C-alpha atoms as a PDB file:
ATOM      1  CA  MET A   1      34.077  14.006  10.287  1.00  0.00           C
ATOM      2  CA  HIS A   2      35.171  12.775  13.617  1.00  0.00           C
ATOM      3  CA  SER A   3      31.895  12.617  15.674  1.00  0.00           C
ATOM      4  CA  ASP A   4      28.198  12.572  14.732  1.00  0.00           C
ATOM      5  CA  GLU A   5      25.567  13.683  17.450  1.00  0.00           C
ATOM      6  CA  GLN A   6      22.673  11.668  16.206  1.00  0.00           C
ATOM      7  CA  ILE A   7      24.867   8.461  16.157  1.00  0.00           C
ATOM      8  CA  GLU A   8      26.308   9.204  19.602  1.00  0.00           C
ATOM      9  CA  TYR A   9      22.721   9.631  20.984  1.00  0.00           C
ATOM     10  CA  TRP A  10      21.482   6.362  19.441  1.00  0.00           C
ATOM     11  CA  LEU A  11      24.488   4.575  20.958  1.00  0.00           C
ATOM     12  CA  ALA A  12      23.613   6.148  24.312  1.00  0.00           C
ATOM     13  CA  MET A  13      20.049   4.986  23.780  1.00  0.00           C
ATOM     14  CA  MET A  14      21.217   1.536  23.075  1.00  0.00           C
ATOM     15  CA  LYS A  15      23.350   1.350  26.140  1.00  0.00           C
ATOM     16  CA  GLY A  16      20.368   2.565  28.207  1.00  0.00           C
ATOM     17  CA  ILE A  17      18.031   0.004  26.920  1.00  0.00           C
ATOM     18  CA  SER A  18      20.505  -2.843  27.347  1.00  0.00           C
ATOM     19  CA  GLU A  19      20.867  -2.025  31.083  1.00  0.00           C
ATOM     20  CA  ASP A  20      17.121  -1.311  31.616  1.00  0.00           C
ATOM     21  CA  ASN A  21      15.791  -4.175  33.794  1.00  0.00           C
ATOM     22  CA  ASN A  22      12.122  -3.044  33.283  1.00  0.00           C
ATOM     23  CA  LEU A  23      12.230  -4.373  29.751  1.00  0.00           C
ATOM     24  CA  SER A  24      11.878  -8.108  28.487  1.00  0.00           C
ATOM     25  CA  LYS A  25      14.599  -9.574  26.541  1.00  0.00           C
ATOM     26  CA  GLN A  26      12.156  -9.294  23.284  1.00  0.00           C
ATOM     27  CA  GLN A  27      11.614  -5.658  23.938  1.00  0.00           C
ATOM     28  CA  LYS A  28      15.371  -5.013  24.347  1.00  0.00           C
ATOM     29  CA  GLU A  29      16.185  -6.844  21.216  1.00  0.00           C
ATOM     30  CA  SER A  30      13.523  -5.263  19.038  1.00  0.00           C
ATOM     31  CA  ALA A  31      14.542  -1.629  20.373  1.00  0.00           C
ATOM     32  CA  LEU A  32      18.211  -2.376  19.917  1.00  0.00           C
ATOM     33  CA  ASP A  33      17.710  -3.924  16.454  1.00  0.00           C
ATOM     34  CA  ASP A  34      15.897  -0.801  15.278  1.00  0.00           C
ATOM     35  CA  LEU A  35      18.536   1.663  16.513  1.00  0.00           C
ATOM     36  CA  GLU A  36      21.391  -0.560  15.181  1.00  0.00           C
ATOM     37  CA  GLU A  37      19.628  -0.334  11.710  1.00  0.00           C
ATOM     38  CA  GLN A  38      19.299   3.431  11.980  1.00  0.00           C
ATOM     39  CA  ILE A  39      22.924   3.749  12.894  1.00  0.00           C
ATOM     40  CA  LYS A  40      23.974   1.566  10.108  1.00  0.00           C
ATOM     41  CA  ASP A  41      21.978   3.317   7.688  1.00  0.00           C
ATOM     42  CA  ARG A  42      23.389   6.616   8.646  1.00  0.00           C
ATOM     43  CA  LEU A  43      26.821   5.407   8.394  1.00  0.00           C
ATOM     44  CA  ASP A  44      25.920   4.112   4.838  1.00  0.00           C
ATOM     45  CA  ASP A  45      24.473   7.368   3.745  1.00  0.00           C
ATOM     46  CA  SER A  46      26.983   9.186   1.385  1.00  0.00           C
ATOM     47  CA  THR A  47      26.003  12.716   2.370  1.00  0.00           C
ATOM     48  CA  TYR A  48      27.804  12.281   5.801  1.00  0.00           C
ATOM     49  CA  ASN A  49      30.999  11.034   4.404  1.00  0.00           C
ATOM     50  CA  PHE A  50      32.378   9.652   7.792  1.00  0.00           C
ATOM     51  CA  ASP A  51      36.060   8.766   7.866  1.00  0.00           C
ATOM     52  CA  ASP A  52      37.019   5.116   8.275  1.00  0.00           C
ATOM     53  CA  GLU A  53      38.199   5.771  11.850  1.00  0.00           C
ATOM     54  CA  PHE A  54      34.965   7.155  13.089  1.00  0.00           C
ATOM     55  CA  ILE A  55      32.952   4.099  11.407  1.00  0.00           C
ATOM     56  CA  GLU A  56      35.364   1.533  12.850  1.00  0.00           C
ATOM     57  CA  ASN A  57      34.828   3.305  16.531  1.00  0.00           C
ATOM     58  CA  VAL A  58      31.113   3.160  16.080  1.00  0.00           C
ATOM     59  CA  MET A  59      31.164  -0.458  14.911  1.00  0.00           C
ATOM     60  CA  GLY A  60      33.311  -1.445  17.867  1.00  0.00           C
ATOM     61  CA  LYS A  61      30.655   0.175  20.200  1.00  0.00           C
ATOM     62  CA  LEU A  62      27.904  -1.786  18.439  1.00  0.00           C
ATOM     63  CA  VAL A  63      29.871  -4.812  18.970  1.00  0.00           C
ATOM     64  CA  ASP A  64      30.331  -4.105  22.640  1.00  0.00           C
ATOM     65  CA  LEU A  65      26.721  -3.565  23.119  1.00  0.00           C
ATOM     66  CA  ARG A  66      25.172  -6.314  20.687  1.00  0.00           C
ATOM     67  CA  GLY A  67      28.021  -8.842  20.335  1.00  0.00           C
ATOM     68  CA  LEU A  68      29.932  -9.959  16.797  1.00  0.00           C
ATOM     69  CA  ASP A  69      26.609 -10.323  15.099  1.00  0.00           C
ATOM     70  CA  SER A  70      26.483  -6.576  14.391  1.00  0.00           C
ATOM     71  CA  LEU A  71      29.326  -6.740  12.249  1.00  0.00           C
ATOM     72  CA  PRO A  72      28.687  -6.630   8.400  1.00  0.00           C
ATOM     73  CA  ILE A  73      29.349  -9.996   6.626  1.00  0.00           C
END
């Protein structure tokens, strides 16, 4: 699988939230944390069987949006 519409949608939402000047920093962090967890949960779900390249691409986008703290330890 090379793409996932739900993950792409969540990434687009994260980008919109991070650029929304009407939200406080706390509101942004909370919303971004929630979406990031949803994305990671979906990536970990074995029923979807994402290929490594797609997972690396998504994690790269998360890092671009959230910084290196988004990477798993």
